[in-house]
C-alpha atoms as a PDB file:
ATOM      1  CA  MET A   1       9.905 165.113  66.448  1.00  0.00           C
ATOM      2  CA  VAL A   2      10.327 163.395  69.876  1.00  0.00           C
ATOM      3  CA  LYS A   3      11.836 160.091  70.032  1.00  0.00           C
ATOM      4  CA  ARG A   4       8.482 158.659  71.053  1.00  0.00           C
ATOM      5  CA  GLN A   5       6.990 159.920  67.901  1.00  0.00           C
ATOM      6  CA  LYS A   6       9.881 158.543  65.809  1.00  0.00           C
ATOM      7  CA  THR A   7       9.467 155.042  67.463  1.00  0.00           C
ATOM      8  CA  LEU A   8       5.427 155.189  66.690  1.00  0.00           C
ATOM      9  CA  ILE A   9       6.237 156.110  63.076  1.00  0.00           C
ATOM     10  CA  ILE A  10       8.885 153.255  62.714  1.00  0.00           C
ATOM     11  CA  THR A  11       6.405 150.905  64.658  1.00  0.00           C
ATOM     12  CA  CYS A  12       3.768 152.052  62.082  1.00  0.00           C
ATOM     13  CA  LEU A  13       5.570 151.596  59.150  1.00  0.00           C
ATOM     14  CA  VAL A  14       7.097 148.145  60.089  1.00  0.00           C
ATOM     15  CA  SER A  15       3.606 146.946  60.891  1.00  0.00           C
ATOM     16  CA  VAL A  16       2.509 148.284  57.328  1.00  0.00           C
ATOM     17  CA  ILE A  17       5.514 146.464  55.718  1.00  0.00           C
ATOM     18  CA  MET A  18       4.658 143.311  57.670  1.00  0.00           C
ATOM     19  CA  ALA A  19       1.094 143.385  56.501  1.00  0.00           C
ATOM     20  CA  VAL A  20       2.022 144.032  52.722  1.00  0.00           C
ATOM     21  CA  VAL A  21       4.621 141.305  53.166  1.00  0.00           C
ATOM     22  CA  TYR A  22       1.712 138.888  54.554  1.00  0.00           C
ATOM     23  CA  MET A  23      -0.724 139.904  51.740  1.00  0.00           C
ATOM     24  CA  SER A  24       1.462 139.633  48.912  1.00  0.00           C
ATOM     25  CA  VAL A  25       3.750 136.482  49.974  1.00  0.00           C
ATOM     26  CA  VAL A  26       2.499 134.437  52.982  1.00  0.00           C
ATOM     27  CA  ASN A  27      -1.401 134.565  52.465  1.00  0.00           C
ATOM     28  CA  PRO A  28      -1.123 133.427  48.770  1.00  0.00           C
ATOM     29  CA  MET A  29       1.208 130.633  49.965  1.00  0.00           C
ATOM     30  CA  TRP A  30      -1.286 130.178  53.153  1.00  0.00           C
ATOM     31  CA  SER A  31      -4.274 129.635  50.513  1.00  0.00           C
ATOM     32  CA  GLU A  32      -2.335 127.275  48.250  1.00  0.00           C
ATOM     33  CA  TRP A  33      -1.297 125.037  51.322  1.00  0.00           C
ATOM     34  CA  ASN A  34      -4.937 124.986  52.428  1.00  0.00           C
ATOM     35  CA  GLU A  35      -6.035 123.686  48.916  1.00  0.00           C
ATOM     36  CA  VAL A  36      -3.378 121.222  48.573  1.00  0.00           C
ATOM     37  CA  SER A  37      -4.330 119.949  52.138  1.00  0.00           C
ATOM     38  CA  ARG A  38      -8.244 119.630  51.114  1.00  0.00           C
ATOM     39  CA  LYS A  39      -7.435 117.800  48.160  1.00  0.00           C
ATOM     40  CA  THR A  40      -4.981 115.344  49.970  1.00  0.00           C
ATOM     41  CA  ALA A  41      -7.501 114.625  52.425  1.00  0.00           C
ATOM     42  CA  ARG A  42     -10.059 114.086  49.816  1.00  0.00           C
ATOM     43  CA  ARG A  43      -8.023 111.629  48.261  1.00  0.00           C
ATOM     44  CA  GLN A  44      -7.402 109.818  51.360  1.00  0.00           C
ATOM     45  CA  ARG A  45     -10.657 109.609  52.086  1.00  0.00           C
ATOM     46  CA  GLU A  46     -11.179 107.993  48.548  1.00  0.00           C
ATOM     47  CA  VAL A  47      -8.111 105.646  49.157  1.00  0.00           C
ATOM     48  CA  SER A  48      -9.609 104.541  52.602  1.00  0.00           C
ATOM     49  CA  ARG A  49     -13.096 103.873  51.035  1.00  0.00           C
ATOM     50  CA  LEU A  50     -11.583 101.733  48.177  1.00  0.00           C
ATOM     51  CA  GLN A  51      -9.599  99.911  50.591  1.00  0.00           C
ATOM     52  CA  ARG A  52     -12.450  98.986  52.695  1.00  0.00           C
ATOM     53  CA  LYS A  53     -14.544  98.088  49.695  1.00  0.00           C
ATOM     54  CA  VAL A  54     -11.387  95.725  48.403  1.00  0.00           C
ATOM     55  CA  ASP A  55     -11.528  94.036  52.071  1.00  0.00           C
ATOM     56  CA  GLN A  56     -14.981  93.498  51.696  1.00  0.00           C
ATOM     57  CA  GLN A  57     -14.458  91.650  48.482  1.00  0.00           C
ATOM     58  CA  ARG A  58     -11.835  89.669  49.532  1.00  0.00           C
ATOM     59  CA  GLY A  59     -13.780  88.582  52.868  1.00  0.00           C
ATOM     60  CA  ALA A  60     -16.923  88.036  51.156  1.00  0.00           C
ATOM     61  CA  PRO A  61     -18.303  84.520  50.540  1.00  0.00           C
ATOM     62  CA  GLN A  62     -17.633  83.064  47.361  1.00  0.00           C
ATOM     63  CA  SER A  63     -19.849  83.873  44.348  1.00  0.00           C
ATOM     64  CA  LEU A  64     -22.755  82.075  43.549  1.00  0.00           C
ATOM     65  CA  GLY A  65     -21.032  80.661  40.429  1.00  0.00           C
ATOM     66  CA  ALA A  66     -17.905  79.310  42.650  1.00  0.00           C
ATOM     67  CA  GLN A  67     -20.568  77.886  45.371  1.00  0.00           C
ATOM     68  CA  GLU A  68     -22.526  76.024  42.588  1.00  0.00           C
ATOM     69  CA  THR A  69     -19.316  74.807  40.888  1.00  0.00           C
ATOM     70  CA  ALA A  70     -18.025  73.570  44.111  1.00  0.00           C
ATOM     71  CA  SER A  71     -21.323  71.762  45.229  1.00  0.00           C
ATOM     72  CA  ARG A  72     -21.753  70.800  41.543  1.00  0.00           C
ATOM     73  CA  TRP A  73     -18.416  68.748  42.091  1.00  0.00           C
ATOM     74  CA  ARG A  74     -19.459  66.757  45.123  1.00  0.00           C
ATOM     75  CA  MET A  75     -22.686  65.645  43.222  1.00  0.00           C
ATOM     76  CA  THR A  76     -23.227  61.717  43.062  1.00  0.00           C
ATOM     77  CA  ASP A  77     -23.219  60.306  39.654  1.00  0.00           C
ATOM     78  CA  ALA A  78     -27.236  60.111  39.011  1.00  0.00           C
ATOM     79  CA  GLN A  79     -26.767  63.998  40.020  1.00  0.00           C
ATOM     80  CA  HIS A  80     -24.132  65.039  37.532  1.00  0.00           C
ATOM     81  CA  THR A  81     -26.313  62.871  34.769  1.00  0.00           C
ATOM     82  CA  ALA A  82     -29.552  64.841  35.605  1.00  0.00           C
ATOM     83  CA  PHE A  83     -27.446  68.145  35.667  1.00  0.00           C
ATOM     84  CA  LEU A  84     -25.800  67.513  32.371  1.00  0.00           C
ATOM     85  CA  THR A  85     -29.318  66.544  30.690  1.00  0.00           C
ATOM     86  CA  ASP A  86     -31.013  69.454  32.037  1.00  0.00           C
ATOM     87  CA  ARG A  87     -28.280  71.735  31.136  1.00  0.00           C
ATOM     88  CA  MET A  88     -28.219  70.663  27.812  1.00  0.00           C
ATOM     89  CA  ALA A  89     -31.591  70.563  27.202  1.00  0.00           C
ATOM     90  CA  SER A  90     -32.213  74.098  28.346  1.00  0.00           C
ATOM     91  CA  LEU A  91     -29.214  75.280  25.833  1.00  0.00           C
ATOM     92  CA  CYS A  92     -30.503  73.532  23.101  1.00  0.00           C
ATOM     93  CA  LYS A  93     -34.033  75.261  23.723  1.00  0.00           C
ATOM     94  CA  GLN A  94     -32.193  78.802  24.294  1.00  0.00           C
ATOM     95  CA  ALA A  95     -30.488  78.149  20.778  1.00  0.00           C
ATOM     96  CA  GLY A  96     -33.398  76.983  18.844  1.00  0.00           C
ATOM     97  CA  MET A  97     -32.085  73.744  18.451  1.00  0.00           C
ATOM     98  CA  LYS A  98     -34.510  70.449  17.857  1.00  0.00           C
ATOM     99  CA  LEU A  99     -33.221  68.025  20.595  1.00  0.00           C
ATOM    100  CA  GLU A 100     -33.441  64.384  18.976  1.00  0.00           C
ATOM    101  CA  SER A 101     -32.032  62.492  21.757  1.00  0.00           C
ATOM    102  CA  LEU A 102     -30.078  62.605  25.222  1.00  0.00           C
ATOM    103  CA  GLN A 103     -28.305  59.367  25.937  1.00  0.00           C
ATOM    104  CA  PRO A 104     -25.957  59.176  29.217  1.00  0.00           C
ATOM    105  CA  ALA A 105     -23.088  57.178  28.453  1.00  0.00           C
ATOM    106  CA  SER A 106     -21.377  55.147  31.441  1.00  0.00           C
ATOM    107  CA  VAL A 107     -19.330  57.218  34.112  1.00  0.00           C
ATOM    108  CA  VAL A 108     -15.533  57.238  33.288  1.00  0.00           C
ATOM    109  CA  LYS A 109     -13.095  56.977  36.302  1.00  0.00           C
ATOM    110  CA  GLU A 110      -9.872  58.783  35.749  1.00  0.00           C
ATOM    111  CA  GLU A 111      -7.039  59.568  37.982  1.00  0.00           C
ATOM    112  CA  THR A 112      -8.174  62.667  39.718  1.00  0.00           C
ATOM    113  CA  HIS A 113     -11.689  62.928  38.917  1.00  0.00           C
ATOM    114  CA  ARG A 114     -14.973  61.113  37.289  1.00  0.00           C
ATOM    115  CA  THR A 115     -16.173  62.191  34.033  1.00  0.00           C
ATOM    116  CA  HIS A 116     -19.788  62.088  33.585  1.00  0.00           C
ATOM    117  CA  PRO A 117     -20.876  62.136  29.703  1.00  0.00           C
ATOM    118  CA  VAL A 118     -23.672  62.406  27.522  1.00  0.00           C
ATOM    119  CA  ARG A 119     -24.369  61.433  24.068  1.00  0.00           C
ATOM    120  CA  VAL A 120     -26.386  64.583  22.603  1.00  0.00           C
ATOM    121  CA  ASN A 121     -28.399  64.443  19.041  1.00  0.00           C
ATOM    122  CA  VAL A 122     -29.820  67.872  17.878  1.00  0.00           C
ATOM    123  CA  ARG A 123     -31.011  69.254  14.567  1.00  0.00           C
ATOM    124  CA  GLY A 124     -30.725  72.795  13.281  1.00  0.00           C
ATOM    125  CA  ASP A 125     -29.410  75.483  10.800  1.00  0.00           C
ATOM    126  CA  ILE A 126     -25.594  76.192  10.949  1.00  0.00           C
ATOM    127  CA  GLN A 127     -26.502  79.540  12.848  1.00  0.00           C
ATOM    128  CA  ARG A 128     -28.103  77.734  15.799  1.00  0.00           C
ATOM    129  CA  VAL A 129     -25.366  75.101  15.813  1.00  0.00           C
ATOM    130  CA  VAL A 130     -22.774  77.804  16.191  1.00  0.00           C
ATOM    131  CA  ASP A 131     -25.140  79.447  18.702  1.00  0.00           C
ATOM    132  CA  LEU A 132     -25.204  76.108  20.721  1.00  0.00           C
ATOM    133  CA  LEU A 133     -21.743  75.719  20.913  1.00  0.00           C
ATOM    134  CA  VAL A 134     -21.394  79.347  22.036  1.00  0.00           C
ATOM    135  CA  LEU A 135     -23.515  78.607  24.903  1.00  0.00           C
ATOM    136  CA  ILE A 136     -21.813  75.699  26.050  1.00  0.00           C
ATOM    137  CA  ASN A 137     -18.598  77.595  25.897  1.00  0.00           C
ATOM    138  CA  ALA A 138     -20.196  80.301  28.136  1.00  0.00           C
ATOM    139  CA  LEU A 139     -20.490  77.535  30.869  1.00  0.00           C
ATOM    140  CA  ASP A 140     -16.961  78.200  31.824  1.00  0.00           C
ATOM    141  CA  GLY A 141     -15.986  74.559  32.317  1.00  0.00           C
ATOM    142  CA  ALA A 142     -18.985  73.294  33.915  1.00  0.00           C
ATOM    143  CA  VAL A 143     -19.570  71.501  30.312  1.00  0.00           C
ATOM    144  CA  GLU A 144     -16.926  69.998  28.038  1.00  0.00           C
ATOM    145  CA  VAL A 145     -17.630  68.992  24.479  1.00  0.00           C
ATOM    146  CA  ARG A 146     -15.500  65.502  23.762  1.00  0.00           C
ATOM    147  CA  GLU A 147     -16.671  64.330  20.464  1.00  0.00           C
ATOM    148  CA  LEU A 148     -18.545  66.507  17.830  1.00  0.00           C
ATOM    149  CA  SER A 149     -19.802  65.606  14.276  1.00  0.00           C
ATOM    150  CA  LEU A 150     -21.833  67.408  11.666  1.00  0.00           C
ATOM    151  CA  HIS A 151     -23.786  66.156   9.012  1.00  0.00           C
ATOM    152  CA  ARG A 152     -26.136  67.517   6.720  1.00  0.00           C
ATOM    153  CA  GLU A 153     -29.915  66.426   7.223  1.00  0.00           C
ATOM    154  CA  GLY A 154     -31.733  65.906   3.760  1.00  0.00           C
ATOM    155  CA  LYS A 155     -31.681  68.560   0.985  1.00  0.00           C
ATOM    156  CA  GLY A 156     -32.312  71.664   3.129  1.00  0.00           C
ATOM    157  CA  ARG A 157     -30.271  74.011   5.395  1.00  0.00           C
ATOM    158  CA  GLU A 158     -30.526  71.638   8.397  1.00  0.00           C
ATOM    159  CA  ILE A 159     -27.605  70.276   9.825  1.00  0.00           C
ATOM    160  CA  GLY A 160     -27.696  67.214  12.270  1.00  0.00           C
ATOM    161  CA  LEU A 161     -25.137  67.496  15.081  1.00  0.00           C
ATOM    162  CA  GLU A 162     -24.048  64.720  17.204  1.00  0.00           C
ATOM    163  CA  MET A 163     -21.919  65.361  20.194  1.00  0.00           C
ATOM    164  CA  VAL A 164     -20.640  63.956  23.420  1.00  0.00           C
ATOM    165  CA  VAL A 165     -20.794  66.332  26.290  1.00  0.00           C
ATOM    166  CA  ALA A 166     -19.265  66.025  29.880  1.00  0.00           C
ATOM    167  CA  THR A 167     -19.257  67.437  33.000  1.00  0.00           C
ATOM    168  CA  PHE A 168     -16.791  66.312  35.878  1.00  0.00           C
ATOM    169  CA  GLY A 169     -17.106  65.216  39.555  1.00  0.00           C
ATOM    170  CA  GLN A 170     -15.206  64.204  42.438  1.00  0.00           C
ATOM    171  CA  LYS A 171     -13.404  61.020  42.329  1.00  0.00           C
END
């Protein structure tokens, strides 16, 4: 064989060996690396999307409930009383209680705020009383029960509930 043929054969063998090594070692590693890169890019996009969402929520104006609480804090005494009587009337209706009376009491000036109490007299069965108290509790501090008195009305299952509820305002 001529030297040139030997060189050509060796070159071909080296090329074949390199192709086999590439196909069996490098290509699978490359494919795996590509898959990991795709997954990483997908997760980075998801993190970016979530970060934008968090940034939007942080920069968003106060929720409607927070705005309502802030504006209610600055209401006048008459507005507080009207708010509380309206709210209690609607809660009594929602709970199925019979509203006997709503009597606003005098405003109490405390060190840091003003308390606007209302005396509420209602009647209903025990389940409706519990429903009313749960509804008041769900107001998240907008209305507080200051006094509570239960008494049986007649011989039936009806219960009389007398309570003093209050809302709060700016001093």
